[in-house]
Amino acid sequence: SDTCLGGRWSFDDVPMKPLRTVMIVPADGINVIMDKLKDYLS
């Protein structure tokens, strides 16, 4: 990622290192995740 969406990534001028995070989540945990999302986003 030489140009990450048109610019170097930095937050508060701290340079960031781009990664990809791979995760495997059990499908039966989705409802709990949705509830947490609701709380977080509302």
Full PDB file with SEQRES, HELIX, SHEET, SSBOND, CRYST1, ORIGX, SCALE, CONECT and MASTER records, all heavy atoms in Angstrom:
SEQRES   1 A   42  SER ASP THR CYS LEU GLY GLY ARG TRP SER PHE ASP ASP          
SEQRES   2 A   42  VAL PRO MET LYS PRO LEU ARG THR VAL MET ILE VAL PRO          
SEQRES   3 A   42  ALA ASP GLY ILE ASN VAL ILE MET ASP LYS LEU LYS ASP          
SEQRES   4 A   42  TYR LEU SER                                                  
HELIX    1 AA1 ALA A   27  GLY A   29  5                                   3    
HELIX    2 AA2 ILE A   30  LEU A   41  1                                  12    
SHEET    1 AA1 2 SER A  10  PHE A  11  0                                        
SHEET    2 AA1 2 VAL A  14  PRO A  15 -1                                        
CRYST1    1.000    1.000    1.000  90.00  90.00  90.00 P 1           1          
ORIGX1      1.000000  0.000000  0.000000        0.00000                         
ORIGX2      0.000000  1.000000  0.000000        0.00000                         
ORIGX3      0.000000  0.000000  1.000000        0.00000                         
SCALE1      1.000000  0.000000  0.000000        0.00000                         
SCALE2      0.000000  1.000000  0.000000        0.00000                         
SCALE3      0.000000  0.000000  1.000000        0.00000                         
ATOM      1  N   SER A   1       0.837  -1.204   0.000  1.00  0.00           N  
ATOM      2  CA  SER A   1       0.000   0.000   0.000  1.00  0.00           C  
ATOM      3  C   SER A   1       0.866   1.247   0.000  1.00  0.00           C  
ATOM      4  O   SER A   1       1.023   1.890   1.021  1.00  0.00           O  
ATOM      5  CB  SER A   1      -0.902  -0.004   1.227  1.00  0.00           C  
ATOM      6  OG  SER A   1      -0.136  -0.277   2.369  1.00  0.00           O  
ATOM      7  N   ASP A   2       1.450   1.524  -1.153  1.00  0.00           N  
ATOM      8  CA  ASP A   2       2.319   2.703  -1.251  1.00  0.00           C  
ATOM      9  C   ASP A   2       1.528   3.983  -0.973  1.00  0.00           C  
ATOM     10  O   ASP A   2       1.946   4.852  -0.234  1.00  0.00           O  
ATOM     11  CB  ASP A   2       3.004   2.766  -2.615  1.00  0.00           C  
ATOM     12  CG  ASP A   2       2.185   2.103  -3.702  1.00  0.00           C  
ATOM     13  OD1 ASP A   2       0.957   1.958  -3.520  1.00  0.00           O  
ATOM     14  OD2 ASP A   2       2.755   1.746  -4.733  1.00  0.00           O  
ATOM     15  N   THR A   3       0.331   4.077  -1.566  1.00  0.00           N  
ATOM     16  CA  THR A   3      -0.522   5.202  -1.194  1.00  0.00           C  
ATOM     17  C   THR A   3      -1.802   4.599  -0.689  1.00  0.00           C  
ATOM     18  O   THR A   3      -2.545   3.981  -1.428  1.00  0.00           O  
ATOM     19  CB  THR A   3      -0.868   6.078  -2.417  1.00  0.00           C  
ATOM     20  OG1 THR A   3      -1.478   5.235  -3.387  1.00  0.00           O  
ATOM     21  CG2 THR A   3       0.344   6.727  -2.993  1.00  0.00           C  
ATOM     22  N   CYS A   4      -2.023   4.765   0.597  1.00  0.00           N  
ATOM     23  CA  CYS A   4      -3.222   4.180   1.182  1.00  0.00           C  
ATOM     24  C   CYS A   4      -4.371   5.136   0.955  1.00  0.00           C  
ATOM     25  O   CYS A   4      -4.522   6.120   1.664  1.00  0.00           O  
ATOM     26  CB  CYS A   4      -2.977   3.946   2.660  1.00  0.00           C  
ATOM     27  SG  CYS A   4      -3.615   2.396   3.187  1.00  0.00           S  
ATOM     28  N   LEU A   5      -5.159   4.889  -0.067  1.00  0.00           N  
ATOM     29  CA  LEU A   5      -6.279   5.779  -0.384  1.00  0.00           C  
ATOM     30  C   LEU A   5      -5.828   7.218  -0.495  1.00  0.00           C  
ATOM     31  O   LEU A   5      -6.375   8.088   0.156  1.00  0.00           O  
ATOM     32  CB  LEU A   5      -7.347   5.690   0.707  1.00  0.00           C  
ATOM     33  CG  LEU A   5      -7.992   4.348   0.909  1.00  0.00           C  
ATOM     34  CD1 LEU A   5      -9.077   4.463   1.953  1.00  0.00           C  
ATOM     35  CD2 LEU A   5      -8.599   3.874  -0.383  1.00  0.00           C  
ATOM     36  N   GLY A   6      -4.789   7.444  -1.265  1.00  0.00           N  
ATOM     37  CA  GLY A   6      -4.405   8.815  -1.562  1.00  0.00           C  
ATOM     38  C   GLY A   6      -3.690   9.526  -0.429  1.00  0.00           C  
ATOM     39  O   GLY A   6      -3.845  10.714  -0.241  1.00  0.00           O  
ATOM     40  N   GLY A   7      -2.851   8.831   0.308  1.00  0.00           N  
ATOM     41  CA  GLY A   7      -2.057   9.550   1.308  1.00  0.00           C  
ATOM     42  C   GLY A   7      -1.472   8.603   2.318  1.00  0.00           C  
ATOM     43  O   GLY A   7      -1.908   7.481   2.445  1.00  0.00           O  
ATOM     44  N   ARG A   8      -0.458   9.040   3.013  1.00  0.00           N  
ATOM     45  CA  ARG A   8       0.094   8.225   4.088  1.00  0.00           C  
ATOM     46  C   ARG A   8      -0.919   8.174   5.201  1.00  0.00           C  
ATOM     47  O   ARG A   8      -1.567   9.166   5.497  1.00  0.00           O  
ATOM     48  CB  ARG A   8       1.396   8.843   4.647  1.00  0.00           C  
ATOM     49  CG  ARG A   8       2.492   9.023   3.654  1.00  0.00           C  
ATOM     50  CD  ARG A   8       3.011   7.746   3.022  1.00  0.00           C  
ATOM     51  NE  ARG A   8       3.137   6.631   3.939  1.00  0.00           N  
ATOM     52  CZ  ARG A   8       2.953   5.366   3.561  1.00  0.00           C  
ATOM     53  NH1 ARG A   8       2.616   5.080   2.324  1.00  0.00           N  
ATOM     54  NH2 ARG A   8       3.081   4.407   4.439  1.00  0.00           N  
ATOM     55  N   TRP A   9      -1.013   7.060   5.854  1.00  0.00           N  
ATOM     56  CA  TRP A   9      -1.920   6.958   6.972  1.00  0.00           C  
ATOM     57  C   TRP A   9      -1.291   7.574   8.191  1.00  0.00           C  
ATOM     58  O   TRP A   9      -0.217   7.171   8.594  1.00  0.00           O  
ATOM     59  CB  TRP A   9      -2.195   5.495   7.278  1.00  0.00           C  
ATOM     60  CG  TRP A   9      -3.397   5.053   6.579  1.00  0.00           C  
ATOM     61  CD1 TRP A   9      -3.456   4.264   5.472  1.00  0.00           C  
ATOM     62  CD2 TRP A   9      -4.730   5.403   6.900  1.00  0.00           C  
ATOM     63  NE1 TRP A   9      -4.753   4.102   5.094  1.00  0.00           N  
ATOM     64  CE2 TRP A   9      -5.547   4.775   5.948  1.00  0.00           C  
ATOM     65  CE3 TRP A   9      -5.319   6.170   7.891  1.00  0.00           C  
ATOM     66  CZ2 TRP A   9      -6.935   4.902   5.964  1.00  0.00           C  
ATOM     67  CZ3 TRP A   9      -6.684   6.300   7.916  1.00  0.00           C  
ATOM     68  CH2 TRP A   9      -7.480   5.659   6.951  1.00  0.00           C  
ATOM     69  N   SER A  10      -1.940   8.549   8.787  1.00  0.00           N  
ATOM     70  CA  SER A  10      -1.468   8.988  10.090  1.00  0.00           C  
ATOM     71  C   SER A  10      -2.636   9.518  10.895  1.00  0.00           C  
ATOM     72  O   SER A  10      -3.572  10.092  10.359  1.00  0.00           O  
ATOM     73  CB  SER A  10      -0.387  10.048   9.949  1.00  0.00           C  
ATOM     74  OG  SER A  10      -0.886  11.173   9.286  1.00  0.00           O  
ATOM     75  N   PHE A  11      -2.588   9.249  12.197  1.00  0.00           N  
ATOM     76  CA  PHE A  11      -3.586   9.778  13.116  1.00  0.00           C  
ATOM     77  C   PHE A  11      -2.844  10.705  14.052  1.00  0.00           C  
ATOM     78  O   PHE A  11      -1.834  10.316  14.625  1.00  0.00           O  
ATOM     79  CB  PHE A  11      -4.223   8.649  13.942  1.00  0.00           C  
ATOM     80  CG  PHE A  11      -5.186   7.820  13.143  1.00  0.00           C  
ATOM     81  CD1 PHE A  11      -4.762   6.692  12.473  1.00  0.00           C  
ATOM     82  CD2 PHE A  11      -6.517   8.184  13.054  1.00  0.00           C  
ATOM     83  CE1 PHE A  11      -5.653   5.923  11.737  1.00  0.00           C  
ATOM     84  CE2 PHE A  11      -7.412   7.417  12.316  1.00  0.00           C  
ATOM     85  CZ  PHE A  11      -6.975   6.295  11.658  1.00  0.00           C  
ATOM     86  N   ASP A  12      -3.317  11.929  14.209  1.00  0.00           N  
ATOM     87  CA  ASP A  12      -2.606  12.913  15.030  1.00  0.00           C  
ATOM     88  C   ASP A  12      -1.128  12.944  14.662  1.00  0.00           C  
ATOM     89  O   ASP A  12      -0.257  12.992  15.535  1.00  0.00           O  
ATOM     90  CB  ASP A  12      -2.752  12.576  16.531  1.00  0.00           C  
ATOM     91  CG  ASP A  12      -4.210  12.544  16.940  1.00  0.00           C  
ATOM     92  OD1 ASP A  12      -4.989  13.289  16.335  1.00  0.00           O  
ATOM     93  OD2 ASP A  12      -4.552  11.780  17.855  1.00  0.00           O  
ATOM     94  N   ASP A  13      -0.860  12.867  13.384  1.00  0.00           N  
ATOM     95  CA  ASP A  13       0.518  12.908  12.878  1.00  0.00           C  
ATOM     96  C   ASP A  13       1.409  11.762  13.339  1.00  0.00           C  
ATOM     97  O   ASP A  13       2.623  11.839  13.244  1.00  0.00           O  
ATOM     98  CB  ASP A  13       1.190  14.247  13.241  1.00  0.00           C  
ATOM     99  CG  ASP A  13       0.490  15.390  12.522  1.00  0.00           C  
ATOM    100  OD1 ASP A  13      -0.051  15.128  11.425  1.00  0.00           O  
ATOM    101  OD2 ASP A  13       0.466  16.509  13.050  1.00  0.00           O  
ATOM    102  N   VAL A  14       0.819  10.703  13.849  1.00  0.00           N  
ATOM    103  CA  VAL A  14       1.609   9.507  14.153  1.00  0.00           C  
ATOM    104  C   VAL A  14       1.500   8.592  12.939  1.00  0.00           C  
ATOM    105  O   VAL A  14       0.392   8.235  12.538  1.00  0.00           O  
ATOM    106  CB  VAL A  14       1.045   8.769  15.390  1.00  0.00           C  
ATOM    107  CG1 VAL A  14       1.853   7.505  15.655  1.00  0.00           C  
ATOM    108  CG2 VAL A  14       1.058   9.681  16.595  1.00  0.00           C  
ATOM    109  N   PRO A  15       2.640   8.248  12.327  1.00  0.00           N  
ATOM    110  CA  PRO A  15       2.545   7.375  11.144  1.00  0.00           C  
ATOM    111  C   PRO A  15       2.016   5.988  11.525  1.00  0.00           C  
ATOM    112  O   PRO A  15       2.344   5.472  12.588  1.00  0.00           O  
ATOM    113  CB  PRO A  15       3.991   7.286  10.637  1.00  0.00           C  
ATOM    114  CG  PRO A  15       4.843   7.772  11.736  1.00  0.00           C  
ATOM    115  CD  PRO A  15       4.014   8.623  12.649  1.00  0.00           C  
ATOM    116  N   MET A  16       1.178   5.452  10.652  1.00  0.00           N  
ATOM    117  CA  MET A  16       0.552   4.164  10.942  1.00  0.00           C  
ATOM    118  C   MET A  16       1.044   3.100   9.973  1.00  0.00           C  
ATOM    119  O   MET A  16       1.363   3.392   8.835  1.00  0.00           O  
ATOM    120  CB  MET A  16      -0.966   4.286  10.802  1.00  0.00           C  
ATOM    121  CG  MET A  16      -1.606   5.336  11.678  1.00  0.00           C  
ATOM    122  SD  MET A  16      -1.260   5.133  13.418  1.00  0.00           S  
ATOM    123  CE  MET A  16      -2.422   3.869  13.819  1.00  0.00           C  
ATOM    124  N   LYS A  17       1.064   1.885  10.466  1.00  0.00           N  
ATOM    125  CA  LYS A  17       1.476   0.763   9.623  1.00  0.00           C  
ATOM    126  C   LYS A  17       0.216  -0.010   9.221  1.00  0.00           C  
ATOM    127  O   LYS A  17      -0.533  -0.465  10.091  1.00  0.00           O  
ATOM    128  CB  LYS A  17       2.414  -0.122  10.444  1.00  0.00           C  
ATOM    129  CG  LYS A  17       3.006  -1.278   9.684  1.00  0.00           C  
ATOM    130  CD  LYS A  17       4.062  -1.971  10.537  1.00  0.00           C  
ATOM    131  CE  LYS A  17       3.435  -3.149  11.263  1.00  0.00           C  
ATOM    132  NZ  LYS A  17       4.369  -3.848  12.150  1.00  0.00           N  
ATOM    133  N   PRO A  18      -0.053  -0.132   7.913  1.00  0.00           N  
ATOM    134  CA  PRO A  18      -1.280  -0.818   7.480  1.00  0.00           C  
ATOM    135  C   PRO A  18      -1.171  -2.334   7.594  1.00  0.00           C  
ATOM    136  O   PRO A  18      -0.165  -2.923   7.190  1.00  0.00           O  
ATOM    137  CB  PRO A  18      -1.420  -0.389   6.014  1.00  0.00           C  
ATOM    138  CG  PRO A  18      -0.038  -0.075   5.573  1.00  0.00           C  
ATOM    139  CD  PRO A  18       0.727   0.380   6.783  1.00  0.00           C  
ATOM    140  N   LEU A  19      -2.207  -2.945   8.133  1.00  0.00           N  
ATOM    141  CA  LEU A  19      -2.253  -4.400   8.285  1.00  0.00           C  
ATOM    142  C   LEU A  19      -3.566  -4.918   7.728  1.00  0.00           C  
ATOM    143  O   LEU A  19      -4.467  -4.143   7.405  1.00  0.00           O  
ATOM    144  CB  LEU A  19      -2.221  -4.787   9.778  1.00  0.00           C  
ATOM    145  CG  LEU A  19      -1.097  -4.286  10.667  1.00  0.00           C  
ATOM    146  CD1 LEU A  19      -1.427  -4.572  12.126  1.00  0.00           C  
ATOM    147  CD2 LEU A  19       0.215  -4.943  10.289  1.00  0.00           C  
ATOM    148  N   ARG A  20      -3.649  -6.243   7.666  1.00  0.00           N  
ATOM    149  CA  ARG A  20      -4.929  -6.894   7.474  1.00  0.00           C  
ATOM    150  C   ARG A  20      -5.087  -7.842   8.662  1.00  0.00           C  
ATOM    151  O   ARG A  20      -4.138  -8.536   9.036  1.00  0.00           O  
ATOM    152  CB  ARG A  20      -4.990  -7.694   6.164  1.00  0.00           C  
ATOM    153  CG  ARG A  20      -4.956  -6.827   4.909  1.00  0.00           C  
ATOM    154  CD  ARG A  20      -6.216  -5.991   4.762  1.00  0.00           C  
ATOM    155  NE  ARG A  20      -6.177  -5.100   3.619  1.00  0.00           N  
ATOM    156  CZ  ARG A  20      -5.746  -3.834   3.667  1.00  0.00           C  
ATOM    157  NH1 ARG A  20      -5.283  -3.327   4.796  1.00  0.00           N  
ATOM    158  NH2 ARG A  20      -5.762  -3.079   2.595  1.00  0.00           N  
ATOM    159  N   THR A  21      -6.267  -7.831   9.244  1.00  0.00           N  
ATOM    160  CA  THR A  21      -6.536  -8.700  10.379  1.00  0.00           C  
ATOM    161  C   THR A  21      -7.547  -9.748   9.945  1.00  0.00           C  
ATOM    162  O   THR A  21      -8.636  -9.404   9.494  1.00  0.00           O  
ATOM    163  CB  THR A  21      -7.088  -7.876  11.565  1.00  0.00           C  
ATOM    164  OG1 THR A  21      -6.074  -6.940  11.964  1.00  0.00           O  
ATOM    165  CG2 THR A  21      -7.433  -8.781  12.742  1.00  0.00           C  
ATOM    166  N   VAL A  22      -7.132 -11.000  10.039  1.00  0.00           N  
ATOM    167  CA  VAL A  22      -7.989 -12.115   9.636  1.00  0.00           C  
ATOM    168  C   VAL A  22      -8.652 -12.668  10.885  1.00  0.00           C  
ATOM    169  O   VAL A  22      -7.984 -12.847  11.906  1.00  0.00           O  
ATOM    170  CB  VAL A  22      -7.136 -13.221   8.967  1.00  0.00           C  
ATOM    171  CG1 VAL A  22      -7.990 -14.459   8.674  1.00  0.00           C  
ATOM    172  CG2 VAL A  22      -6.501 -12.696   7.685  1.00  0.00           C  
ATOM    173  N   MET A  23      -9.948 -12.882  10.839  1.00  0.00           N  
ATOM    174  CA  MET A  23     -10.620 -13.493  11.993  1.00  0.00           C  
ATOM    175  C   MET A  23     -11.710 -14.453  11.550  1.00  0.00           C  
ATOM    176  O   MET A  23     -12.331 -14.266  10.513  1.00  0.00           O  
ATOM    177  CB  MET A  23     -11.185 -12.425  12.922  1.00  0.00           C  
ATOM    178  CG  MET A  23     -11.792 -11.247  12.246  1.00  0.00           C  
ATOM    179  SD  MET A  23     -12.166  -9.937  13.424  1.00  0.00           S  
ATOM    180  CE  MET A  23     -11.996  -8.514  12.381  1.00  0.00           C  
ATOM    181  N   ILE A  24     -11.890 -15.468  12.355  1.00  0.00           N  
ATOM    182  CA  ILE A  24     -12.971 -16.422  12.124  1.00  0.00           C  
ATOM    183  C   ILE A  24     -13.913 -16.341  13.320  1.00  0.00           C  
ATOM    184  O   ILE A  24     -13.489 -16.502  14.458  1.00  0.00           O  
ATOM    185  CB  ILE A  24     -12.428 -17.848  11.933  1.00  0.00           C  
ATOM    186  CG1 ILE A  24     -11.568 -17.860  10.670  1.00  0.00           C  
ATOM    187  CG2 ILE A  24     -13.576 -18.857  11.897  1.00  0.00           C  
ATOM    188  CD1 ILE A  24     -11.711 -19.014   9.747  1.00  0.00           C  
ATOM    189  N   VAL A  25     -15.178 -16.034  13.026  1.00  0.00           N  
ATOM    190  CA  VAL A  25     -16.159 -15.784  14.068  1.00  0.00           C  
ATOM    191  C   VAL A  25     -17.286 -16.807  13.924  1.00  0.00           C  
ATOM    192  O   VAL A  25     -17.815 -16.985  12.822  1.00  0.00           O  
ATOM    193  CB  VAL A  25     -16.751 -14.355  13.899  1.00  0.00           C  
ATOM    194  CG1 VAL A  25     -17.759 -14.048  14.988  1.00  0.00           C  
ATOM    195  CG2 VAL A  25     -15.638 -13.317  13.885  1.00  0.00           C  
ATOM    196  N   PRO A  26     -17.654 -17.483  15.015  1.00  0.00           N  
ATOM    197  CA  PRO A  26     -18.774 -18.440  14.935  1.00  0.00           C  
ATOM    198  C   PRO A  26     -20.072 -17.703  14.585  1.00  0.00           C  
ATOM    199  O   PRO A  26     -20.358 -16.648  15.158  1.00  0.00           O  
ATOM    200  CB  PRO A  26     -18.868 -19.024  16.354  1.00  0.00           C  
ATOM    201  CG  PRO A  26     -17.570 -18.674  17.012  1.00  0.00           C  
ATOM    202  CD  PRO A  26     -17.070 -17.427  16.365  1.00  0.00           C  
ATOM    203  N   ALA A  27     -20.828 -18.268  13.651  1.00  0.00           N  
ATOM    204  CA  ALA A  27     -22.058 -17.603  13.200  1.00  0.00           C  
ATOM    205  C   ALA A  27     -23.054 -17.425  14.346  1.00  0.00           C  
ATOM    206  O   ALA A  27     -23.817 -16.465  14.368  1.00  0.00           O  
ATOM    207  CB  ALA A  27     -22.695 -18.400  12.065  1.00  0.00           C  
ATOM    208  N   ASP A  28     -23.012 -18.326  15.319  1.00  0.00           N  
ATOM    209  CA  ASP A  28     -24.003 -18.193  16.393  1.00  0.00           C  
ATOM    210  C   ASP A  28     -23.657 -17.071  17.381  1.00  0.00           C  
ATOM    211  O   ASP A  28     -24.419 -16.777  18.296  1.00  0.00           O  
ATOM    212  CB  ASP A  28     -24.222 -19.527  17.122  1.00  0.00           C  
ATOM    213  CG  ASP A  28     -22.919 -20.109  17.659  1.00  0.00           C  
ATOM    214  OD1 ASP A  28     -21.930 -19.353  17.781  1.00  0.00           O  
ATOM    215  OD2 ASP A  28     -22.886 -21.313  17.961  1.00  0.00           O  
ATOM    216  N   GLY A  29     -22.514 -16.436  17.170  1.00  0.00           N  
ATOM    217  CA  GLY A  29     -22.163 -15.291  18.009  1.00  0.00           C  
ATOM    218  C   GLY A  29     -22.613 -13.962  17.415  1.00  0.00           C  
ATOM    219  O   GLY A  29     -22.432 -12.898  18.007  1.00  0.00           O  
ATOM    220  N   ILE A  30     -23.205 -14.025  16.231  1.00  0.00           N  
ATOM    221  CA  ILE A  30     -23.536 -12.794  15.501  1.00  0.00           C  
ATOM    222  C   ILE A  30     -24.553 -11.928  16.242  1.00  0.00           C  
ATOM    223  O   ILE A  30     -24.427 -10.708  16.271  1.00  0.00           O  
ATOM    224  CB  ILE A  30     -24.052 -13.137  14.075  1.00  0.00           C  
ATOM    225  CG1 ILE A  30     -22.889 -13.593  13.205  1.00  0.00           C  
ATOM    226  CG2 ILE A  30     -24.740 -11.940  13.434  1.00  0.00           C  
ATOM    227  CD1 ILE A  30     -21.895 -12.530  12.793  1.00  0.00           C  
ATOM    228  N   ASN A  31     -25.548 -12.557  16.871  1.00  0.00           N  
ATOM    229  CA  ASN A  31     -26.562 -11.742  17.554  1.00  0.00           C  
ATOM    230  C   ASN A  31     -25.976 -10.911  18.678  1.00  0.00           C  
ATOM    231  O   ASN A  31     -26.348  -9.748  18.875  1.00  0.00           O  
ATOM    232  CB  ASN A  31     -27.689 -12.631  18.087  1.00  0.00           C  
ATOM    233  CG  ASN A  31     -28.519 -13.193  16.946  1.00  0.00           C  
ATOM    234  OD1 ASN A  31     -28.467 -12.669  15.823  1.00  0.00           O  
ATOM    235  ND2 ASN A  31     -29.267 -14.253  17.201  1.00  0.00           N  
ATOM    236  N   VAL A  32     -25.046 -11.504  19.409  1.00  0.00           N  
ATOM    237  CA  VAL A  32     -24.376 -10.769  20.486  1.00  0.00           C  
ATOM    238  C   VAL A  32     -23.601  -9.589  19.900  1.00  0.00           C  
ATOM    239  O   VAL A  32     -23.634  -8.470  20.429  1.00  0.00           O  
ATOM    240  CB  VAL A  32     -23.403 -11.707  21.246  1.00  0.00           C  
ATOM    241  CG1 VAL A  32     -22.650 -10.948  22.322  1.00  0.00           C  
ATOM    242  CG2 VAL A  32     -24.168 -12.875  21.850  1.00  0.00           C  
ATOM    243  N   ILE A  33     -22.929  -9.841  18.779  1.00  0.00           N  
ATOM    244  CA  ILE A  33     -22.163  -8.774  18.119  1.00  0.00           C  
ATOM    245  C   ILE A  33     -23.100  -7.649  17.672  1.00  0.00           C  
ATOM    246  O   ILE A  33     -22.814  -6.468  17.859  1.00  0.00           O  
ATOM    247  CB  ILE A  33     -21.363  -9.336  16.918  1.00  0.00           C  
ATOM    248  CG1 ILE A  33     -20.300 -10.326  17.410  1.00  0.00           C  
ATOM    249  CG2 ILE A  33     -20.708  -8.205  16.116  1.00  0.00           C  
ATOM    250  CD1 ILE A  33     -19.593 -11.102  16.319  1.00  0.00           C  
ATOM    251  N   MET A  34     -24.249  -8.017  17.112  1.00  0.00           N  
ATOM    252  CA  MET A  34     -25.213  -7.013  16.659  1.00  0.00           C  
ATOM    253  C   MET A  34     -25.720  -6.154  17.830  1.00  0.00           C  
ATOM    254  O   MET A  34     -25.881  -4.944  17.700  1.00  0.00           O  
ATOM    255  CB  MET A  34     -26.419  -7.682  15.976  1.00  0.00           C  
ATOM    256  CG  MET A  34     -26.098  -8.338  14.648  1.00  0.00           C  
ATOM    257  SD  MET A  34     -25.521  -7.167  13.415  1.00  0.00           S  
ATOM    258  CE  MET A  34     -24.055  -7.989  12.859  1.00  0.00           C  
ATOM    259  N   ASP A  35     -25.953  -6.796  18.970  1.00  0.00           N  
ATOM    260  CA  ASP A  35     -26.413  -6.042  20.149  1.00  0.00           C  
ATOM    261  C   ASP A  35     -25.350  -5.047  20.602  1.00  0.00           C  
ATOM    262  O   ASP A  35     -25.640  -3.913  20.951  1.00  0.00           O  
ATOM    263  CB  ASP A  35     -26.759  -6.997  21.292  1.00  0.00           C  
ATOM    264  CG  ASP A  35     -28.035  -7.784  20.991  1.00  0.00           C  
ATOM    265  OD1 ASP A  35     -28.796  -7.355  20.093  1.00  0.00           O  
ATOM    266  OD2 ASP A  35     -28.270  -8.833  21.638  1.00  0.00           O  
ATOM    267  N   LYS A  36     -24.090  -5.493  20.592  1.00  0.00           N  
ATOM    268  CA  LYS A  36     -23.004  -4.599  20.987  1.00  0.00           C  
ATOM    269  C   LYS A  36     -22.889  -3.436  20.020  1.00  0.00           C  
ATOM    270  O   LYS A  36     -22.642  -2.292  20.410  1.00  0.00           O  
ATOM    271  CB  LYS A  36     -21.678  -5.365  21.024  1.00  0.00           C  
ATOM    272  CG  LYS A  36     -21.586  -6.318  22.184  1.00  0.00           C  
ATOM    273  CD  LYS A  36     -20.133  -6.638  22.468  1.00  0.00           C  
ATOM    274  CE  LYS A  36     -19.993  -7.112  23.908  1.00  0.00           C  
ATOM    275  NZ  LYS A  36     -18.619  -7.450  24.245  1.00  0.00           N  
ATOM    276  N   LEU A  37     -23.049  -3.751  18.737  1.00  0.00           N  
ATOM    277  CA  LEU A  37     -22.995  -2.720  17.706  1.00  0.00           C  
ATOM    278  C   LEU A  37     -24.076  -1.673  17.922  1.00  0.00           C  
ATOM    279  O   LEU A  37     -23.835  -0.480  17.782  1.00  0.00           O  
ATOM    280  CB  LEU A  37     -23.235  -3.370  16.331  1.00  0.00           C  
ATOM    281  CG  LEU A  37     -22.025  -3.602  15.445  1.00  0.00           C  
ATOM    282  CD1 LEU A  37     -22.487  -4.086  14.091  1.00  0.00           C  
ATOM    283  CD2 LEU A  37     -21.221  -2.336  15.297  1.00  0.00           C  
ATOM    284  N   LYS A  38     -25.263  -2.171  18.255  1.00  0.00           N  
ATOM    285  CA  LYS A  38     -26.388  -1.264  18.501  1.00  0.00           C  
ATOM    286  C   LYS A  38     -26.047  -0.275  19.611  1.00  0.00           C  
ATOM    287  O   LYS A  38     -26.245   0.922  19.480  1.00  0.00           O  
ATOM    288  CB  LYS A  38     -27.623  -2.095  18.922  1.00  0.00           C  
ATOM    289  CG  LYS A  38     -28.760  -2.019  17.932  1.00  0.00           C  
ATOM    290  CD  LYS A  38     -29.931  -2.896  18.373  1.00  0.00           C  
ATOM    291  CE  LYS A  38     -29.846  -4.256  17.692  1.00  0.00           C  
ATOM    292  NZ  LYS A  38     -30.904  -5.184  18.068  1.00  0.00           N  
ATOM    293  N   ASP A  39     -25.508  -0.819  20.709  1.00  0.00           N  
ATOM    294  CA  ASP A  39     -25.143   0.046  21.838  1.00  0.00           C  
ATOM    295  C   ASP A  39     -24.069   1.043  21.422  1.00  0.00           C  
ATOM    296  O   ASP A  39     -24.102   2.213  21.788  1.00  0.00           O  
ATOM    297  CB  ASP A  39     -24.596  -0.790  23.006  1.00  0.00           C  
ATOM    298  CG  ASP A  39     -25.678  -1.682  23.595  1.00  0.00           C  
ATOM    299  OD1 ASP A  39     -26.871  -1.425  23.289  1.00  0.00           O  
ATOM    300  OD2 ASP A  39     -25.347  -2.616  24.329  1.00  0.00           O  
ATOM    301  N   TYR A  40     -23.101   0.554  20.667  1.00  0.00           N  
ATOM    302  CA  TYR A  40     -21.964   1.382  20.285  1.00  0.00           C  
ATOM    303  C   TYR A  40     -22.367   2.514  19.343  1.00  0.00           C  
ATOM    304  O   TYR A  40     -21.910   3.636  19.459  1.00  0.00           O  
ATOM    305  CB  TYR A  40     -20.913   0.489  19.634  1.00  0.00           C  
ATOM    306  CG  TYR A  40     -19.764   1.228  18.992  1.00  0.00           C  
ATOM    307  CD1 TYR A  40     -18.790   1.852  19.765  1.00  0.00           C  
ATOM    308  CD2 TYR A  40     -19.635   1.263  17.591  1.00  0.00           C  
ATOM    309  CE1 TYR A  40     -17.730   2.520  19.174  1.00  0.00           C  
ATOM    310  CE2 TYR A  40     -18.586   1.931  17.001  1.00  0.00           C  
ATOM    311  CZ  TYR A  40     -17.623   2.548  17.797  1.00  0.00           C  
ATOM    312  OH  TYR A  40     -16.567   3.215  17.191  1.00  0.00           O  
ATOM    313  N   LEU A  41     -23.273   2.198  18.425  1.00  0.00           N  
ATOM    314  CA  LEU A  41     -23.594   3.164  17.380  1.00  0.00           C  
ATOM    315  C   LEU A  41     -24.788   4.055  17.687  1.00  0.00           C  
ATOM    316  O   LEU A  41     -25.073   4.988  16.969  1.00  0.00           O  
ATOM    317  CB  LEU A  41     -23.811   2.454  16.033  1.00  0.00           C  
ATOM    318  CG  LEU A  41     -22.547   1.816  15.432  1.00  0.00           C  
ATOM    319  CD1 LEU A  41     -22.916   1.009  14.213  1.00  0.00           C  
ATOM    320  CD2 LEU A  41     -21.514   2.875  15.054  1.00  0.00           C  
ATOM    321  N   SER A  42     -25.534   3.691  18.746  1.00  0.00           N  
ATOM    322  CA  SER A  42     -26.716   4.525  18.973  1.00  0.00           C  
ATOM    323  C   SER A  42     -26.444   5.586  20.054  1.00  0.00           C  
ATOM    324  O   SER A  42     -25.541   5.475  20.830  1.00  0.00           O  
ATOM    325  CB  SER A  42     -27.894   3.661  19.375  1.00  0.00           C  
ATOM    326  OG  SER A  42     -27.514   2.807  20.429  1.00  0.00           O  
TER     327      SER A  42                                                      
MASTER        0    0    0    2    2    0    0    6  326    1    0    4          
END                                                                             
